[in-house]
Protein backbone atom coordinates (compact mmCIF):
# COMPACT_ATOMS: atom_id res chain seq x y z
CA MET A 1 61.03 -8.14 -10.29
CA SER A 2 64.60 -7.81 -11.24
CA LEU A 3 67.59 -9.22 -9.63
CA SER A 4 71.07 -7.83 -9.75
CA LYS A 5 74.24 -9.54 -8.76
CA ILE A 6 77.89 -8.20 -8.24
CA VAL A 7 81.11 -9.89 -7.45
CA ILE A 8 83.92 -7.69 -6.26
CA SER A 9 87.51 -7.99 -4.96
CA GLY A 10 89.60 -5.52 -3.35
CA ARG A 11 91.48 -4.59 -0.19
CA GLY A 12 89.81 -3.84 3.32
CA VAL A 13 90.23 -0.06 3.78
CA ARG A 14 90.02 -0.28 7.58
CA ALA A 15 89.25 -2.92 10.14
CA PRO A 16 85.58 -4.15 10.36
CA GLU A 17 83.33 -2.69 12.95
CA LYS A 18 81.06 -5.00 14.73
CA ARG A 19 77.88 -4.12 16.68
CA PHE A 20 74.66 -5.46 17.83
CA THR A 21 71.12 -4.53 17.12
CA PRO A 22 69.41 -3.07 20.15
CA ASN A 23 66.20 -4.99 20.14
CA ASN A 24 67.23 -8.68 19.48
CA ASN A 25 71.03 -8.48 19.83
CA VAL A 26 71.96 -9.70 16.30
CA ALA A 27 75.56 -9.24 15.22
CA VAL A 28 76.14 -6.70 12.31
CA THR A 29 79.64 -6.04 10.86
CA GLU A 30 80.34 -3.18 8.63
CA PHE A 31 83.53 -2.65 6.45
CA THR A 32 84.66 -0.92 3.23
CA VAL A 33 86.54 -2.42 0.43
CA GLY A 34 88.68 -0.45 -2.04
CA VAL A 35 88.23 -1.73 -5.59
CA ASP A 36 90.84 -0.71 -8.22
CA SER A 37 89.69 -0.31 -11.83
CA PRO A 38 91.87 0.74 -14.73
CA ASN A 39 91.28 4.27 -16.00
CA ARG A 40 90.94 3.94 -19.85
CA GLN A 41 91.90 7.51 -20.61
CA ASP A 42 95.17 8.05 -18.94
CA GLY A 43 96.23 4.43 -18.10
CA GLY A 44 95.94 5.11 -14.23
CA VAL A 45 93.92 3.33 -11.73
CA ASP A 46 90.68 4.60 -10.14
CA THR A 47 89.56 3.21 -6.68
CA ASN A 48 85.88 2.84 -5.85
CA PHE A 49 84.97 2.25 -2.18
CA VAL A 50 82.17 -0.21 -1.61
CA LYS A 51 80.45 -0.40 1.90
CA VAL A 52 79.77 -3.89 2.99
CA ILE A 53 77.28 -4.90 5.71
CA THR A 54 77.10 -8.51 6.93
CA TRP A 55 74.63 -9.99 9.51
CA ARG A 56 74.50 -12.81 12.17
CA ASP A 57 77.17 -15.57 11.70
CA LEU A 58 78.85 -13.97 8.63
CA ALA A 59 79.08 -10.72 10.76
CA GLU A 60 80.82 -12.77 13.51
CA ARG A 61 83.32 -14.29 11.07
CA CYS A 62 84.13 -11.05 9.08
CA SER A 63 84.87 -9.17 12.39
CA GLN A 64 87.29 -12.03 13.44
CA GLU A 65 89.12 -12.68 10.19
CA ILE A 66 89.26 -9.57 8.13
CA ARG A 67 91.88 -6.96 8.87
CA LYS A 68 92.77 -3.63 7.19
CA GLY A 69 94.77 -4.36 3.84
CA ASP A 70 93.47 -7.86 3.56
CA LEU A 71 92.39 -9.00 -0.08
CA VAL A 72 88.71 -9.96 0.15
CA ALA A 73 86.24 -11.12 -2.44
CA ILE A 74 82.49 -10.45 -2.06
CA ASP A 75 79.77 -12.43 -3.91
């Protein structure tokens, strides 16, 4: 078994969307983070978009506290 871990920081692309699972009513929040990385060839910046999904209590907190344009870090 192998385990991978990433840590990213970037800006929220849009407001998080909270929903609930149909069977057991568990909170799920989804949002996208834009992560800038320098382009080595021309000195510009490339932006990668990372989809983040949170569950339960963390989903509730993310939906309440994160807004479009906020700087967020994901571990």
